Amino acid sequence: MSEFGELLRHARAYKGVTLRDAERATRINRHHLAALEREEFEELPPLIYARGIVRNYAQYLGLDPVAVLALFEEVHGQRSGGFRVVPAVKPLNIPSHWAPNFAIIAFMVIMSAVIFAWLYGAFFSPPDTVPTEQPGLAGQGSPGATPPASPESPGLAPTATGTAEREAATVTPVASPMPPVVAATPEPTPTSTQQPTPTPTTHRFAITATNSVWVQVTVDGSVVFSDVLGAGQTRTFEGQQMYVTSGNAPFIRVSVDGVDQGPLGTTWDASRTYPAS
């Protein structure tokens, strides 16, 4: 008998139960439980059901289900000659034929031409020029206007109105002074106040087993304990956060900083984080 069968048999003896007691608690036929301890795997159901039996029996005995299941598959593979590897099917190389969509190409060409014409008209076309009317020549070419009288014309004398118009046409406009430019004063840049970084709190955790049970403890992301904890034994740890998992959660009590948090759970397989985030 290898290590697998001896492990199950010793764990059951340490728990102080018989195969009939284990059958009542796990609802697994005791003949299958005895076959596991004797490593008579041919008496077990198919492998997919046998894995479930091994996992439930390991949880009942307070063992690590993942480690026991890995040991079972290793021993079972040696007894059955290993697992047959089926070669993978080679993928088929199907050539793809790509055909251009001429409707999309034509639409893109038209849109490009429209955008180019709009950009050219907005940025490169010359501005429209509006002819300005020169001072002193208004009314000369308009129909119905009377030309000013010349001093040399016989019988016509220069009038005061014509002289005032000629003097107004020769007046040179005076430029108005520019207002003084006031330099803008830069506004002060607000400075950000750095908030103090909160200091992480360290807790003191205590785990007590009321019965022999397997338990795994992870503190601040590192596994610090993974073994069977005997009845009445207590383990203490320190850190910021603790994660506990066990196959027999009602047999585990947890306290944080001296405050009792109660049992780990009400079901057989439970996990919990302390303090709760």
Protein backbone atom coordinates (compact mmCIF):
# COMPACT_ATOMS: atom_id res chain seq x y z
CA MET A 1 0.00 0.00 0.00
CA SER A 2 1.39 3.42 -0.98
CA GLU A 3 1.24 6.74 0.83
CA PHE A 4 -2.29 7.55 -0.43
CA GLY A 5 -4.09 4.68 1.32
CA GLU A 6 -2.03 5.05 4.50
CA LEU A 7 -2.84 8.79 4.63
CA LEU A 8 -6.60 8.17 4.50
CA ARG A 9 -6.48 5.31 7.01
CA HIS A 10 -4.35 7.24 9.55
CA ALA A 11 -6.52 10.38 9.17
CA ARG A 12 -9.67 8.34 9.89
CA ALA A 13 -8.02 6.67 12.89
CA TYR A 14 -6.87 10.06 14.19
CA LYS A 15 -10.42 11.38 13.86
CA GLY A 16 -11.67 8.32 15.78
CA VAL A 17 -14.45 7.27 13.37
CA THR A 18 -15.29 4.03 11.61
CA LEU A 19 -16.16 3.49 7.99
CA ARG A 20 -19.84 3.31 8.96
CA ASP A 21 -19.59 6.68 10.73
CA ALA A 22 -17.88 8.18 7.69
CA GLU A 23 -20.63 6.73 5.47
CA ARG A 24 -23.35 8.42 7.53
CA ALA A 25 -21.55 11.79 7.54
CA THR A 26 -20.47 11.90 3.88
CA ARG A 27 -23.29 9.77 2.34
CA ILE A 28 -20.62 7.78 0.46
CA ASN A 29 -20.84 3.99 0.33
CA ARG A 30 -18.42 2.55 2.88
CA HIS A 31 -17.29 -0.07 0.34
CA HIS A 32 -15.97 2.79 -1.81
CA LEU A 33 -14.27 4.36 1.22
CA ALA A 34 -12.64 1.02 2.09
CA ALA A 35 -11.54 0.61 -1.55
CA LEU A 36 -9.84 4.02 -1.39
CA GLU A 37 -7.94 3.08 1.77
CA ARG A 38 -6.91 -0.29 0.24
CA GLU A 39 -6.16 1.44 -3.11
CA GLU A 40 -8.41 -1.02 -4.96
CA PHE A 41 -9.40 1.51 -7.59
CA GLU A 42 -11.09 -1.05 -9.83
CA GLU A 43 -13.98 -1.20 -7.32
CA LEU A 44 -14.64 2.54 -7.63
CA PRO A 45 -17.05 4.19 -10.08
CA PRO A 46 -15.67 5.96 -13.18
CA LEU A 47 -12.83 8.41 -12.65
CA ILE A 48 -14.97 11.55 -12.88
CA TYR A 49 -17.12 10.32 -9.94
CA ALA A 50 -14.13 8.90 -8.05
CA ARG A 51 -12.54 12.38 -7.93
CA GLY A 52 -15.64 13.74 -6.17
CA ILE A 53 -15.55 10.88 -3.65
CA VAL A 54 -11.86 11.56 -2.87
CA ARG A 55 -12.47 15.29 -2.44
CA ASN A 56 -15.47 14.89 -0.08
CA TYR A 57 -13.73 12.18 1.98
CA ALA A 58 -10.59 14.34 2.36
CA GLN A 59 -12.67 17.31 3.55
CA TYR A 60 -14.45 15.10 6.09
CA LEU A 61 -11.13 13.82 7.46
CA GLY A 62 -9.74 17.37 7.75
CA LEU A 63 -7.16 16.97 4.97
CA ASP A 64 -6.28 19.31 2.12
CA PRO A 65 -8.64 18.27 -0.71
CA VAL A 66 -6.34 19.62 -3.45
CA ALA A 67 -3.25 17.75 -2.19
CA VAL A 68 -5.15 14.47 -1.59
CA LEU A 69 -6.78 14.64 -5.03
CA ALA A 70 -3.39 15.22 -6.70
CA LEU A 71 -1.93 12.21 -4.82
CA PHE A 72 -4.91 10.06 -5.86
CA GLU A 73 -4.53 10.97 -9.54
CA GLU A 74 -0.79 10.21 -9.37
CA VAL A 75 -1.34 6.75 -7.83
CA HIS A 76 -4.34 6.02 -10.05
CA GLY A 77 -2.35 6.95 -13.17
CA GLN A 78 0.50 4.60 -12.19
CA ARG A 79 -1.95 1.73 -11.60
CA SER A 80 -3.87 2.27 -14.83
CA GLY A 81 -0.78 2.73 -17.03
CA GLY A 82 -1.06 6.52 -17.33
CA PHE A 83 -3.34 8.65 -19.43
CA ARG A 84 -3.36 8.36 -23.21
CA VAL A 85 -2.57 11.60 -25.00
CA VAL A 86 -4.73 12.21 -28.06
CA PRO A 87 -2.90 14.15 -30.79
CA ALA A 88 -4.45 17.44 -31.73
CA VAL A 89 -6.14 17.81 -35.12
CA LYS A 90 -4.09 19.87 -37.53
CA PRO A 91 -6.01 23.04 -38.50
CA LEU A 92 -7.06 23.43 -42.11
CA ASN A 93 -5.50 26.26 -44.08
CA ILE A 94 -8.39 27.74 -46.04
CA PRO A 95 -7.27 30.50 -48.45
CA SER A 96 -9.29 33.66 -48.20
CA HIS A 97 -10.33 35.57 -51.34
CA TRP A 98 -10.61 39.31 -50.85
CA ALA A 99 -12.48 41.42 -53.37
CA PRO A 100 -12.52 45.23 -53.21
CA ASN A 101 -15.83 47.01 -52.72
CA PHE A 102 -16.01 49.50 -55.57
CA ALA A 103 -19.04 51.30 -54.15
CA ILE A 104 -17.13 52.18 -50.98
CA ILE A 105 -14.08 53.28 -53.01
CA ALA A 106 -16.21 55.56 -55.21
CA PHE A 107 -17.93 57.07 -52.16
CA MET A 108 -14.57 57.82 -50.55
CA VAL A 109 -13.26 59.46 -53.77
CA ILE A 110 -16.35 61.72 -54.00
CA MET A 111 -16.14 62.71 -50.33
CA SER A 112 -12.43 63.52 -50.73
CA ALA A 113 -13.20 65.79 -53.71
CA VAL A 114 -15.95 67.61 -51.80
CA ILE A 115 -13.70 68.17 -48.76
CA PHE A 116 -10.85 69.43 -50.98
CA ALA A 117 -13.14 71.90 -52.77
CA TRP A 118 -14.46 73.23 -49.46
CA LEU A 119 -10.95 73.67 -48.03
CA TYR A 120 -9.75 75.45 -51.19
CA GLY A 121 -12.70 77.84 -51.18
CA ALA A 122 -12.27 78.59 -47.46
CA PHE A 123 -8.50 79.18 -47.32
CA PHE A 124 -7.11 79.81 -50.85
CA SER A 125 -9.76 81.84 -52.76
CA PRO A 126 -8.99 85.66 -53.12
CA PRO A 127 -11.23 88.01 -51.09
CA ASP A 128 -13.94 89.99 -52.89
CA THR A 129 -12.96 93.70 -53.47
CA VAL A 130 -15.56 96.46 -53.11
CA PRO A 131 -14.84 99.72 -55.09
CA THR A 132 -14.59 102.72 -52.77
CA GLU A 133 -15.88 106.14 -53.76
CA GLN A 134 -13.12 108.79 -53.92
CA PRO A 135 -13.78 112.02 -51.96
CA GLY A 136 -14.49 115.08 -54.02
CA LEU A 137 -15.69 113.05 -57.07
CA ALA A 138 -19.09 112.03 -55.80
CA GLY A 139 -21.94 112.92 -58.12
CA GLN A 140 -19.79 113.53 -61.25
CA GLY A 141 -20.84 110.39 -63.09
CA SER A 142 -24.33 110.03 -61.71
CA PRO A 143 -27.19 110.98 -64.04
CA GLY A 144 -28.97 114.21 -63.32
CA ALA A 145 -26.07 115.77 -61.39
CA THR A 146 -25.19 119.42 -62.16
CA PRO A 147 -21.48 120.06 -62.82
CA PRO A 148 -19.88 122.80 -60.72
CA ALA A 149 -19.57 126.18 -62.35
CA SER A 150 -16.15 127.23 -63.57
CA PRO A 151 -14.80 130.71 -62.77
CA GLU A 152 -13.92 131.21 -66.45
CA SER A 153 -17.51 130.64 -67.60
CA PRO A 154 -19.03 133.90 -68.80
CA GLY A 155 -21.92 135.28 -66.80
CA LEU A 156 -21.32 132.88 -63.75
CA ALA A 157 -19.63 133.99 -60.54
CA PRO A 158 -18.11 131.62 -57.96
CA THR A 159 -20.37 130.97 -55.03
CA ALA A 160 -19.48 130.44 -51.37
CA THR A 161 -20.98 126.93 -51.37
CA GLY A 162 -18.59 125.68 -54.11
CA THR A 163 -15.56 127.16 -52.34
CA ALA A 164 -16.46 125.48 -49.02
CA GLU A 165 -16.85 122.07 -50.74
CA ARG A 166 -13.39 122.36 -52.34
CA GLU A 167 -11.81 123.28 -49.00
CA ALA A 168 -13.50 120.28 -47.29
CA ALA A 169 -12.11 117.94 -49.99
CA THR A 170 -8.54 119.08 -49.33
CA VAL A 171 -8.65 118.64 -45.52
CA THR A 172 -6.13 116.01 -44.31
CA PRO A 173 -7.60 113.64 -41.69
CA VAL A 174 -5.79 113.60 -38.33
CA ALA A 175 -5.12 110.17 -36.80
CA SER A 176 -6.54 109.65 -33.34
CA PRO A 177 -4.00 108.64 -30.65
CA MET A 178 -3.82 104.93 -29.71
CA PRO A 179 -4.89 104.02 -26.17
CA PRO A 180 -2.04 102.88 -23.87
CA VAL A 181 -1.51 99.12 -23.60
CA VAL A 182 -1.73 97.77 -20.06
CA ALA A 183 0.24 94.59 -19.39
CA ALA A 184 -1.82 91.80 -17.81
CA THR A 185 -0.67 90.74 -14.37
CA PRO A 186 -0.31 86.92 -14.17
CA GLU A 187 -2.54 85.28 -11.59
CA PRO A 188 -0.78 83.25 -8.87
CA THR A 189 -0.83 79.49 -9.48
CA PRO A 190 -2.65 77.63 -6.68
CA THR A 191 -0.44 75.15 -4.90
CA SER A 192 -1.84 71.71 -4.08
CA THR A 193 -1.60 70.55 -0.47
CA GLN A 194 -0.29 67.00 -0.21
CA GLN A 195 -2.50 64.83 1.97
CA PRO A 196 -0.68 62.68 4.56
CA THR A 197 -0.51 58.98 3.69
CA PRO A 198 -2.46 56.87 6.23
CA THR A 199 -0.33 54.41 8.17
CA PRO A 200 -1.48 50.76 7.72
CA THR A 201 -2.86 49.13 10.87
CA THR A 202 -1.32 45.87 12.12
CA HIS A 203 -3.70 43.37 13.77
CA ARG A 204 -3.11 40.35 15.97
CA PHE A 205 -5.02 37.27 14.81
CA ALA A 206 -5.64 34.04 16.78
CA ILE A 207 -7.03 30.74 15.37
CA THR A 208 -8.28 28.00 17.72
CA ALA A 209 -9.45 24.52 16.65
CA THR A 210 -12.23 22.80 18.66
CA ASN A 211 -11.55 19.57 16.76
CA SER A 212 -8.80 18.15 14.58
CA VAL A 213 -9.15 19.96 11.24
CA TRP A 214 -7.07 21.03 8.28
CA VAL A 215 -6.71 24.82 7.90
CA GLN A 216 -4.78 27.19 5.65
CA VAL A 217 -3.88 30.78 6.71
CA THR A 218 -2.69 33.57 4.38
CA VAL A 219 -1.44 36.83 5.94
CA ASP A 220 -0.83 39.88 3.69
CA GLY A 221 -0.77 37.68 0.56
CA SER A 222 1.67 35.02 1.93
CA VAL A 223 0.70 31.51 3.11
CA VAL A 224 1.98 31.23 6.68
CA PHE A 225 0.24 27.99 7.79
CA SER A 226 -1.21 25.00 5.92
CA ASP A 227 -1.56 21.86 8.05
CA VAL A 228 -3.84 19.91 10.39
CA LEU A 229 -4.57 21.84 13.61
CA GLY A 230 -5.32 19.57 16.59
CA ALA A 231 -8.25 19.99 18.97
CA GLY A 232 -7.60 22.79 21.47
CA GLN A 233 -4.53 24.12 19.61
CA THR A 234 -4.19 27.86 18.93
CA ARG A 235 -2.00 29.66 16.41
CA THR A 236 -1.39 33.46 16.44
CA PHE A 237 -0.32 35.69 13.58
CA GLU A 238 0.29 39.43 13.03
CA GLY A 239 -0.39 41.47 9.92
CA GLN A 240 -2.77 43.86 8.22
CA GLN A 241 -5.20 41.27 6.77
CA MET A 242 -5.69 37.50 7.17
CA TYR A 243 -7.48 35.02 4.83
CA VAL A 244 -8.55 31.66 6.34
CA THR A 245 -9.94 28.57 4.55
CA SER A 246 -10.80 25.14 5.99
CA GLY A 247 -12.67 21.96 5.11
CA ASN A 248 -14.41 21.88 8.56
CA ALA A 249 -15.22 25.54 9.14
CA PRO A 250 -17.48 25.05 12.26
CA PHE A 251 -14.46 23.66 14.18
CA ILE A 252 -12.39 26.88 13.67
CA ARG A 253 -12.83 30.01 15.85
CA VAL A 254 -11.06 33.27 15.02
CA SER A 255 -10.30 36.35 17.14
CA VAL A 256 -8.93 39.72 15.95
CA ASP A 257 -7.10 41.95 18.47
CA GLY A 258 -8.57 39.89 21.31
CA VAL A 259 -12.19 40.16 20.03
CA ASP A 260 -13.86 36.79 19.28
CA GLN A 261 -15.22 36.69 15.72
CA GLY A 262 -17.06 33.38 16.15
CA PRO A 263 -16.66 30.25 13.98
CA LEU A 264 -15.16 30.49 10.51
CA GLY A 265 -18.45 29.35 8.93
CA THR A 266 -21.49 27.11 9.25
CA THR A 267 -20.72 24.85 6.28
CA TRP A 268 -17.93 22.29 5.96
CA ASP A 269 -15.98 24.12 3.27
CA ALA A 270 -15.73 27.89 3.96
CA SER A 271 -13.31 30.81 3.59
CA ARG A 272 -13.24 34.30 5.14
CA THR A 273 -11.10 37.47 5.30
CA TYR A 274 -10.27 39.28 8.59
CA PRO A 275 -10.90 42.11 9.17
CA ALA A 276 -13.76 42.22 6.66
CA SER A 277 -13.06 44.75 3.91
